[in-house]
Amino acid sequence: MNRLRRKQAIIEEVAAKEPDLNARPNKPVLKKPGAPNRLKLLQHKKNFSNDNLPSHLTDDSESDSDIQYRDDFPVMQSNRLEPQRCTDDDDEEVPICWFIVSSFVTRVNRHDTLAKRLDVPDPVDDIPNQTSDDRRLLMHKASIKLERKLSERPSAEELQQRNILKAKDGSISSKKAMEETRKMLLRKLSFRPTIQELKDKQIIKFSDYVEVTEADTYDRKADKPWTRLTPTDKALIRKELNDFKATEMDVHEASRVFTRFHRP
């Protein structure tokens, strides 16, 4: 009976309620930015878990048994003691404060950008026999010249020489020349040359005598004679084609076997 009671699941009814949108978990799930890794924290705890062991300095026992000392365990290489002078009102005696600098502190330690720029050495002059003052003076003179050039406006003649500005007289004359050329071309297209001009230029040739023969008029627009061929006419056409291929058509000797003849 006790076993049956143990196997029976205990079910509790929870009253329905609206979820609280502003609720937050008691323990954060995600790692905060800048926080150390969990594995490093575990290693750090393991290394410092032997703080309860006695040290070589504090142990006065003379027993022969092997005693584990706190100093025997390897300390993390990143942890080191560094001296730092503490600020005090007395200028004569400045005490030295020892503190442990961990690897996390060295990684998170903020470096001042201004100090980095001040630590950079002075640039070496690329141009020999010229100091920075001389170079600054030359740059000042060049800037004055450029400002003066920008303030000056080029003359009309300079713009015409550079083909930026076109003269009014020249534009009018060019327009007149284009109009005359267009009229001449239209006149040439509108007038048809005479027969004598065509004869002189040997474009057309005329004969003094022309041979004329009589011929019957046929309306060949709707005439389709190939639709009225009899089987005998078709057989004669095939025979004529076969004779032409066999006797008159030039074929290479190596490819004569591939010549296709029509059925008789």
C-alpha atoms as a PDB file:
ATOM      1  CA  MET A   1       0.000   0.000   0.000  1.00  0.00           C
ATOM      2  CA  ASN A   2       2.850   2.358   0.808  1.00  0.00           C
ATOM      3  CA  ARG A   3       4.394   1.705  -2.599  1.00  0.00           C
ATOM      4  CA  LEU A   4       1.107   2.484  -4.350  1.00  0.00           C
ATOM      5  CA  ARG A   5       0.797   5.691  -2.399  1.00  0.00           C
ATOM      6  CA  ARG A   6       4.333   6.698  -3.367  1.00  0.00           C
ATOM      7  CA  LYS A   7       3.713   6.034  -7.063  1.00  0.00           C
ATOM      8  CA  GLN A   8       0.569   8.115  -7.132  1.00  0.00           C
ATOM      9  CA  ALA A   9       1.312  11.590  -8.501  1.00  0.00           C
ATOM     10  CA  ILE A  10       0.313  14.581  -6.439  1.00  0.00           C
ATOM     11  CA  ILE A  11      -1.708  17.030  -8.539  1.00  0.00           C
ATOM     12  CA  GLU A  12      -2.261  20.565  -7.375  1.00  0.00           C
ATOM     13  CA  GLU A  13      -4.736  22.885  -8.964  1.00  0.00           C
ATOM     14  CA  VAL A  14      -3.428  26.351  -9.746  1.00  0.00           C
ATOM     15  CA  ALA A  15      -5.910  29.162 -10.016  1.00  0.00           C
ATOM     16  CA  ALA A  16      -6.004  30.927 -13.370  1.00  0.00           C
ATOM     17  CA  LYS A  17      -4.687  34.486 -13.334  1.00  0.00           C
ATOM     18  CA  GLU A  18      -3.455  37.116 -15.753  1.00  0.00           C
ATOM     19  CA  PRO A  19       0.289  37.086 -16.438  1.00  0.00           C
ATOM     20  CA  ASP A  20       2.357  39.916 -14.993  1.00  0.00           C
ATOM     21  CA  LEU A  21       4.159  41.567 -17.921  1.00  0.00           C
ATOM     22  CA  ASN A  22       6.473  43.542 -15.617  1.00  0.00           C
ATOM     23  CA  ALA A  23       7.691  40.458 -13.726  1.00  0.00           C
ATOM     24  CA  ARG A  24      11.434  39.697 -13.810  1.00  0.00           C
ATOM     25  CA  PRO A  25      13.338  36.503 -12.929  1.00  0.00           C
ATOM     26  CA  ASN A  26      15.100  36.338  -9.572  1.00  0.00           C
ATOM     27  CA  LYS A  27      18.362  35.230 -11.203  1.00  0.00           C
ATOM     28  CA  PRO A  28      19.475  36.607 -14.582  1.00  0.00           C
ATOM     29  CA  VAL A  29      19.777  34.006 -17.316  1.00  0.00           C
ATOM     30  CA  LEU A  30      22.082  35.891 -19.666  1.00  0.00           C
ATOM     31  CA  LYS A  31      25.561  37.035 -18.783  1.00  0.00           C
ATOM     32  CA  LYS A  32      25.906  40.750 -18.197  1.00  0.00           C
ATOM     33  CA  PRO A  33      28.270  42.641 -20.520  1.00  0.00           C
ATOM     34  CA  GLY A  34      31.761  42.694 -19.009  1.00  0.00           C
ATOM     35  CA  ALA A  35      31.057  39.880 -16.526  1.00  0.00           C
ATOM     36  CA  PRO A  36      33.659  37.049 -16.303  1.00  0.00           C
ATOM     37  CA  ASN A  37      32.995  33.604 -17.722  1.00  0.00           C
ATOM     38  CA  ARG A  38      31.528  30.915 -15.426  1.00  0.00           C
ATOM     39  CA  LEU A  39      34.369  28.483 -16.155  1.00  0.00           C
ATOM     40  CA  LYS A  40      36.953  31.052 -15.093  1.00  0.00           C
ATOM     41  CA  LEU A  41      35.004  31.755 -11.911  1.00  0.00           C
ATOM     42  CA  LEU A  42      34.939  28.034 -11.068  1.00  0.00           C
ATOM     43  CA  GLN A  43      38.701  27.748 -11.612  1.00  0.00           C
ATOM     44  CA  HIS A  44      39.227  30.840  -9.496  1.00  0.00           C
ATOM     45  CA  LYS A  45      37.171  29.308  -6.671  1.00  0.00           C
ATOM     46  CA  LYS A  46      39.076  26.012  -6.862  1.00  0.00           C
ATOM     47  CA  ASN A  47      42.425  27.767  -6.656  1.00  0.00           C
ATOM     48  CA  PHE A  48      41.379  29.810  -3.625  1.00  0.00           C
ATOM     49  CA  SER A  49      39.474  26.993  -1.883  1.00  0.00           C
ATOM     50  CA  ASN A  50      42.583  26.050   0.084  1.00  0.00           C
ATOM     51  CA  ASP A  51      42.675  29.245   2.141  1.00  0.00           C
ATOM     52  CA  ASN A  52      41.968  27.277   5.328  1.00  0.00           C
ATOM     53  CA  LEU A  53      45.264  25.365   5.058  1.00  0.00           C
ATOM     54  CA  PRO A  54      48.181  26.648   7.160  1.00  0.00           C
ATOM     55  CA  SER A  55      51.112  28.424   5.576  1.00  0.00           C
ATOM     56  CA  HIS A  56      54.859  28.016   6.102  1.00  0.00           C
ATOM     57  CA  LEU A  57      54.971  31.243   8.066  1.00  0.00           C
ATOM     58  CA  THR A  58      52.145  30.519  10.504  1.00  0.00           C
ATOM     59  CA  ASP A  59      52.828  26.813  11.148  1.00  0.00           C
ATOM     60  CA  ASP A  60      54.844  26.106  14.288  1.00  0.00           C
ATOM     61  CA  SER A  61      54.227  22.355  14.512  1.00  0.00           C
ATOM     62  CA  GLU A  62      57.225  20.006  14.370  1.00  0.00           C
ATOM     63  CA  SER A  63      55.330  16.864  13.377  1.00  0.00           C
ATOM     64  CA  ASP A  64      56.908  14.459  10.885  1.00  0.00           C
ATOM     65  CA  SER A  65      53.709  13.832   8.934  1.00  0.00           C
ATOM     66  CA  ASP A  66      53.259  15.426   5.507  1.00  0.00           C
ATOM     67  CA  ILE A  67      51.366  18.671   5.848  1.00  0.00           C
ATOM     68  CA  GLN A  68      49.795  20.417   2.908  1.00  0.00           C
ATOM     69  CA  TYR A  69      50.497  24.128   2.923  1.00  0.00           C
ATOM     70  CA  ARG A  70      48.615  26.834   1.185  1.00  0.00           C
ATOM     71  CA  ASP A  71      51.842  28.064  -0.445  1.00  0.00           C
ATOM     72  CA  ASP A  72      52.387  24.687  -2.127  1.00  0.00           C
ATOM     73  CA  PHE A  73      49.428  25.130  -4.477  1.00  0.00           C
ATOM     74  CA  PRO A  74      50.144  27.027  -7.709  1.00  0.00           C
ATOM     75  CA  VAL A  75      48.605  30.457  -7.784  1.00  0.00           C
ATOM     76  CA  MET A  76      47.087  31.823 -10.965  1.00  0.00           C
ATOM     77  CA  GLN A  77      49.705  33.558 -13.101  1.00  0.00           C
ATOM     78  CA  SER A  78      47.365  36.401 -13.867  1.00  0.00           C
ATOM     79  CA  ASN A  79      47.037  37.282 -10.161  1.00  0.00           C
ATOM     80  CA  ARG A  80      49.995  39.313  -8.977  1.00  0.00           C
ATOM     81  CA  LEU A  81      50.762  41.804  -6.265  1.00  0.00           C
ATOM     82  CA  GLU A  82      51.504  45.306  -7.445  1.00  0.00           C
ATOM     83  CA  PRO A  83      52.474  48.215  -5.253  1.00  0.00           C
ATOM     84  CA  GLN A  84      50.540  51.455  -5.436  1.00  0.00           C
ATOM     85  CA  ARG A  85      51.070  54.614  -3.492  1.00  0.00           C
ATOM     86  CA  CYS A  86      47.980  55.637  -1.586  1.00  0.00           C
ATOM     87  CA  THR A  87      47.178  59.327  -1.456  1.00  0.00           C
ATOM     88  CA  ASP A  88      47.612  60.866   1.960  1.00  0.00           C
ATOM     89  CA  ASP A  89      47.751  64.358   3.378  1.00  0.00           C
ATOM     90  CA  ASP A  90      51.328  63.946   4.638  1.00  0.00           C
ATOM     91  CA  ASP A  91      53.838  64.466   1.845  1.00  0.00           C
ATOM     92  CA  GLU A  92      56.751  63.029   3.817  1.00  0.00           C
ATOM     93  CA  GLU A  93      55.433  59.544   4.472  1.00  0.00           C
ATOM     94  CA  VAL A  94      53.539  57.988   1.612  1.00  0.00           C
ATOM     95  CA  PRO A  95      52.339  54.452   2.467  1.00  0.00           C
ATOM     96  CA  ILE A  96      52.458  51.703  -0.142  1.00  0.00           C
ATOM     97  CA  CYS A  97      49.199  49.777  -0.689  1.00  0.00           C
ATOM     98  CA  TRP A  98      49.418  46.252  -2.088  1.00  0.00           C
ATOM     99  CA  PHE A  99      46.522  44.968  -4.097  1.00  0.00           C
ATOM    100  CA  ILE A 100      45.830  41.940  -6.300  1.00  0.00           C
ATOM    101  CA  VAL A 101      45.396  42.587 -10.020  1.00  0.00           C
ATOM    102  CA  SER A 102      43.451  39.769 -11.633  1.00  0.00           C
ATOM    103  CA  SER A 103      43.243  38.895 -15.325  1.00  0.00           C
ATOM    104  CA  PHE A 104      39.709  40.251 -15.472  1.00  0.00           C
ATOM    105  CA  VAL A 105      40.880  43.626 -14.165  1.00  0.00           C
ATOM    106  CA  THR A 106      43.664  43.789 -16.743  1.00  0.00           C
ATOM    107  CA  ARG A 107      41.208  43.039 -19.531  1.00  0.00           C
ATOM    108  CA  VAL A 108      38.576  45.506 -18.366  1.00  0.00           C
ATOM    109  CA  ASN A 109      41.073  48.219 -17.439  1.00  0.00           C
ATOM    110  CA  ARG A 110      40.311  51.318 -19.463  1.00  0.00           C
ATOM    111  CA  HIS A 111      43.092  52.929 -21.484  1.00  0.00           C
ATOM    112  CA  ASP A 112      42.867  56.652 -22.005  1.00  0.00           C
ATOM    113  CA  THR A 113      42.861  57.637 -25.688  1.00  0.00           C
ATOM    114  CA  LEU A 114      44.578  60.928 -24.959  1.00  0.00           C
ATOM    115  CA  ALA A 115      47.435  59.104 -23.247  1.00  0.00           C
ATOM    116  CA  LYS A 116      47.815  56.850 -26.293  1.00  0.00           C
ATOM    117  CA  ARG A 117      48.100  59.845 -28.585  1.00  0.00           C
ATOM    118  CA  LEU A 118      50.609  61.538 -26.304  1.00  0.00           C
ATOM    119  CA  ASP A 119      52.747  58.399 -26.155  1.00  0.00           C
ATOM    120  CA  VAL A 120      53.055  58.276 -29.960  1.00  0.00           C
ATOM    121  CA  PRO A 121      56.519  59.498 -31.034  1.00  0.00           C
ATOM    122  CA  ASP A 122      56.892  62.572 -33.192  1.00  0.00           C
ATOM    123  CA  PRO A 123      56.640  61.919 -36.953  1.00  0.00           C
ATOM    124  CA  VAL A 124      59.852  61.848 -38.920  1.00  0.00           C
ATOM    125  CA  ASP A 125      60.185  64.492 -41.646  1.00  0.00           C
ATOM    126  CA  ASP A 126      59.929  62.810 -45.045  1.00  0.00           C
ATOM    127  CA  ILE A 127      61.491  65.741 -46.927  1.00  0.00           C
ATOM    128  CA  PRO A 128      65.148  66.289 -46.008  1.00  0.00           C
ATOM    129  CA  ASN A 129      66.484  69.757 -45.170  1.00  0.00           C
ATOM    130  CA  GLN A 130      62.975  71.001 -44.445  1.00  0.00           C
ATOM    131  CA  THR A 131      61.425  71.531 -41.069  1.00  0.00           C
ATOM    132  CA  SER A 132      57.780  71.495 -40.148  1.00  0.00           C
ATOM    133  CA  ASP A 133      57.751  75.313 -39.955  1.00  0.00           C
ATOM    134  CA  ASP A 134      59.072  75.610 -43.511  1.00  0.00           C
ATOM    135  CA  ARG A 135      56.474  73.142 -44.756  1.00  0.00           C
ATOM    136  CA  ARG A 136      53.708  75.019 -42.940  1.00  0.00           C
ATOM    137  CA  LEU A 137      54.860  78.307 -44.535  1.00  0.00           C
ATOM    138  CA  LEU A 138      54.833  76.777 -48.030  1.00  0.00           C
ATOM    139  CA  MET A 139      51.341  75.370 -47.496  1.00  0.00           C
ATOM    140  CA  HIS A 140      50.138  78.789 -46.321  1.00  0.00           C
ATOM    141  CA  LYS A 141      51.494  80.439 -49.482  1.00  0.00           C
ATOM    142  CA  ALA A 142      49.886  77.786 -51.697  1.00  0.00           C
ATOM    143  CA  SER A 143      46.518  78.249 -49.981  1.00  0.00           C
ATOM    144  CA  ILE A 144      46.700  82.023 -50.565  1.00  0.00           C
ATOM    145  CA  LYS A 145      47.418  81.463 -54.276  1.00  0.00           C
ATOM    146  CA  LEU A 146      44.527  79.023 -54.617  1.00  0.00           C
ATOM    147  CA  GLU A 147      42.105  81.395 -52.927  1.00  0.00           C
ATOM    148  CA  ARG A 148      43.238  84.187 -55.254  1.00  0.00           C
ATOM    149  CA  LYS A 149      42.752  81.969 -58.316  1.00  0.00           C
ATOM    150  CA  LEU A 150      39.267  81.014 -57.215  1.00  0.00           C
ATOM    151  CA  SER A 151      38.331  84.649 -56.644  1.00  0.00           C
ATOM    152  CA  GLU A 152      39.501  85.717 -60.130  1.00  0.00           C
ATOM    153  CA  ARG A 153      37.010  85.230 -62.966  1.00  0.00           C
ATOM    154  CA  PRO A 154      38.438  84.201 -66.367  1.00  0.00           C
ATOM    155  CA  SER A 155      37.985  86.595 -69.271  1.00  0.00           C
ATOM    156  CA  ALA A 156      35.783  85.943 -72.290  1.00  0.00           C
ATOM    157  CA  GLU A 157      38.791  85.394 -74.561  1.00  0.00           C
ATOM    158  CA  GLU A 158      40.163  82.667 -72.286  1.00  0.00           C
ATOM    159  CA  LEU A 159      36.780  80.945 -72.247  1.00  0.00           C
ATOM    160  CA  GLN A 160      36.600  81.117 -76.058  1.00  0.00           C
ATOM    161  CA  GLN A 161      40.092  79.649 -76.352  1.00  0.00           C
ATOM    162  CA  ARG A 162      39.079  76.772 -74.096  1.00  0.00           C
ATOM    163  CA  ASN A 163      35.922  76.263 -76.222  1.00  0.00           C
ATOM    164  CA  ILE A 164      33.723  76.974 -73.189  1.00  0.00           C
ATOM    165  CA  LEU A 165      32.205  80.222 -74.452  1.00  0.00           C
ATOM    166  CA  LYS A 166      31.221  80.573 -78.103  1.00  0.00           C
ATOM    167  CA  ALA A 167      31.135  83.962 -79.829  1.00  0.00           C
ATOM    168  CA  LYS A 168      27.795  85.274 -81.045  1.00  0.00           C
ATOM    169  CA  ASP A 169      29.061  86.057 -84.564  1.00  0.00           C
ATOM    170  CA  GLY A 170      30.533  82.617 -84.949  1.00  0.00           C
ATOM    171  CA  SER A 171      27.331  80.901 -83.833  1.00  0.00           C
ATOM    172  CA  ILE A 172      25.252  82.970 -86.293  1.00  0.00           C
ATOM    173  CA  SER A 173      27.574  82.183 -89.218  1.00  0.00           C
ATOM    174  CA  SER A 174      27.599  78.467 -88.388  1.00  0.00           C
ATOM    175  CA  LYS A 175      23.791  78.423 -88.261  1.00  0.00           C
ATOM    176  CA  LYS A 176      23.606  80.123 -91.683  1.00  0.00           C
ATOM    177  CA  ALA A 177      26.025  77.599 -93.193  1.00  0.00           C
ATOM    178  CA  MET A 178      23.997  74.678 -91.823  1.00  0.00           C
ATOM    179  CA  GLU A 179      20.774  76.163 -93.230  1.00  0.00           C
ATOM    180  CA  GLU A 180      22.315  76.588 -96.704  1.00  0.00           C
ATOM    181  CA  THR A 181      23.608  73.004 -96.674  1.00  0.00           C
ATOM    182  CA  ARG A 182      20.158  71.713 -95.737  1.00  0.00           C
ATOM    183  CA  LYS A 183      18.497  73.671 -98.584  1.00  0.00           C
ATOM    184  CA  MET A 184      21.037  72.389-101.128  1.00  0.00           C
ATOM    185  CA  LEU A 185      20.480  68.782-100.083  1.00  0.00           C
ATOM    186  CA  LEU A 186      16.711  69.171-100.303  1.00  0.00           C
ATOM    187  CA  ARG A 187      17.055  70.692-103.780  1.00  0.00           C
ATOM    188  CA  LYS A 188      19.219  67.797-104.934  1.00  0.00           C
ATOM    189  CA  LEU A 189      16.702  65.281-103.660  1.00  0.00           C
ATOM    190  CA  SER A 190      13.741  67.070-105.283  1.00  0.00           C
ATOM    191  CA  PHE A 191      15.263  67.357-108.797  1.00  0.00           C
ATOM    192  CA  ARG A 192      15.542  64.200-110.951  1.00  0.00           C
ATOM    193  CA  PRO A 193      18.612  63.970-113.220  1.00  0.00           C
ATOM    194  CA  THR A 194      18.096  63.949-117.013  1.00  0.00           C
ATOM    195  CA  ILE A 195      18.806  60.941-119.233  1.00  0.00           C
ATOM    196  CA  GLN A 196      21.812  62.654-120.792  1.00  0.00           C
ATOM    197  CA  GLU A 197      23.363  63.233-117.324  1.00  0.00           C
ATOM    198  CA  LEU A 198      22.849  59.558-116.468  1.00  0.00           C
ATOM    199  CA  LYS A 199      24.454  58.546-119.803  1.00  0.00           C
ATOM    200  CA  ASP A 200      27.441  60.821-119.249  1.00  0.00           C
ATOM    201  CA  LYS A 201      27.981  59.406-115.745  1.00  0.00           C
ATOM    202  CA  GLN A 202      27.519  55.856-117.169  1.00  0.00           C
ATOM    203  CA  ILE A 203      24.817  55.135-114.618  1.00  0.00           C
ATOM    204  CA  ILE A 204      22.284  54.018-117.255  1.00  0.00           C
ATOM    205  CA  LYS A 205      22.908  52.549-120.700  1.00  0.00           C
ATOM    206  CA  PHE A 206      20.460  52.701-123.622  1.00  0.00           C
ATOM    207  CA  SER A 207      20.558  50.664-126.861  1.00  0.00           C
ATOM    208  CA  ASP A 208      19.499  52.068-130.201  1.00  0.00           C
ATOM    209  CA  TYR A 209      17.737  48.868-131.249  1.00  0.00           C
ATOM    210  CA  VAL A 210      15.594  46.648-128.997  1.00  0.00           C
ATOM    211  CA  GLU A 211      14.445  43.118-129.949  1.00  0.00           C
ATOM    212  CA  VAL A 212      10.739  42.507-129.385  1.00  0.00           C
ATOM    213  CA  THR A 213       9.111  39.031-129.581  1.00  0.00           C
ATOM    214  CA  GLU A 214       5.504  38.017-129.323  1.00  0.00           C
ATOM    215  CA  ALA A 215       4.388  36.002-126.296  1.00  0.00           C
ATOM    216  CA  ASP A 216       1.102  34.691-125.058  1.00  0.00           C
ATOM    217  CA  THR A 217      -0.284  36.342-121.971  1.00  0.00           C
ATOM    218  CA  TYR A 218      -0.748  33.996-118.997  1.00  0.00           C
ATOM    219  CA  ASP A 219      -2.336  34.696-115.685  1.00  0.00           C
ATOM    220  CA  ARG A 220       0.171  32.980-113.368  1.00  0.00           C
ATOM    221  CA  LYS A 221      -1.128  34.396-110.090  1.00  0.00           C
ATOM    222  CA  ALA A 222      -3.608  31.587-109.335  1.00  0.00           C
ATOM    223  CA  ASP A 223      -1.957  28.924-111.489  1.00  0.00           C
ATOM    224  CA  LYS A 224      -0.418  26.012-109.497  1.00  0.00           C
ATOM    225  CA  PRO A 225       0.622  23.383-112.050  1.00  0.00           C
ATOM    226  CA  TRP A 226       2.317  21.106-109.470  1.00  0.00           C
ATOM    227  CA  THR A 227      -1.101  20.342-108.026  1.00  0.00           C
ATOM    228  CA  ARG A 228      -2.265  18.830-111.324  1.00  0.00           C
ATOM    229  CA  LEU A 229       0.571  16.324-111.794  1.00  0.00           C
ATOM    230  CA  THR A 230      -0.437  12.760-112.684  1.00  0.00           C
ATOM    231  CA  PRO A 231       1.417   9.673-111.331  1.00  0.00           C
ATOM    232  CA  THR A 232       3.073   9.271-114.752  1.00  0.00           C
ATOM    233  CA  ASP A 233       4.404  12.864-114.622  1.00  0.00           C
ATOM    234  CA  LYS A 234       5.767  12.296-111.109  1.00  0.00           C
ATOM    235  CA  ALA A 235       7.510   9.063-112.231  1.00  0.00           C
ATOM    236  CA  LEU A 236       9.122  10.904-115.167  1.00  0.00           C
ATOM    237  CA  ILE A 237      10.374  13.678-112.844  1.00  0.00           C
ATOM    238  CA  ARG A 238      11.895  11.118-110.436  1.00  0.00           C
ATOM    239  CA  LYS A 239      13.585   9.267-113.351  1.00  0.00           C
ATOM    240  CA  GLU A 240      15.070  12.520-114.653  1.00  0.00           C
ATOM    241  CA  LEU A 241      16.423  13.390-111.192  1.00  0.00           C
ATOM    242  CA  ASN A 242      17.978   9.927-110.763  1.00  0.00           C
ATOM    243  CA  ASP A 243      19.670  10.128-114.199  1.00  0.00           C
ATOM    244  CA  PHE A 244      21.059  13.566-113.352  1.00  0.00           C
ATOM    245  CA  LYS A 245      22.482  12.344-110.044  1.00  0.00           C
ATOM    246  CA  ALA A 246      23.947   9.204-111.623  1.00  0.00           C
ATOM    247  CA  THR A 247      25.596  10.752-114.703  1.00  0.00           C
ATOM    248  CA  GLU A 248      25.823  14.562-114.600  1.00  0.00           C
ATOM    249  CA  MET A 249      26.132  15.533-110.911  1.00  0.00           C
ATOM    250  CA  ASP A 250      29.745  15.918-109.707  1.00  0.00           C
ATOM    251  CA  VAL A 251      30.216  13.829-106.569  1.00  0.00           C
ATOM    252  CA  HIS A 252      33.410  12.803-104.774  1.00  0.00           C
ATOM    253  CA  GLU A 253      34.288   9.153-105.224  1.00  0.00           C
ATOM    254  CA  ALA A 254      34.470   8.544-101.464  1.00  0.00           C
ATOM    255  CA  SER A 255      30.971   9.968-100.901  1.00  0.00           C
ATOM    256  CA  ARG A 256      29.288   8.556-103.988  1.00  0.00           C
ATOM    257  CA  VAL A 257      27.917   5.650-101.929  1.00  0.00           C
ATOM    258  CA  PHE A 258      25.944   8.138 -99.806  1.00  0.00           C
ATOM    259  CA  THR A 259      24.041   9.595-102.798  1.00  0.00           C
ATOM    260  CA  ARG A 260      20.299   9.239-102.269  1.00  0.00           C
ATOM    261  CA  PHE A 261      18.165   8.269-105.268  1.00  0.00           C
ATOM    262  CA  HIS A 262      14.389   8.568-105.547  1.00  0.00           C
ATOM    263  CA  ARG A 263      12.222   5.499-105.838  1.00  0.00           C
ATOM    264  CA  PRO A 264      11.226   4.693-109.484  1.00  0.00           C
END
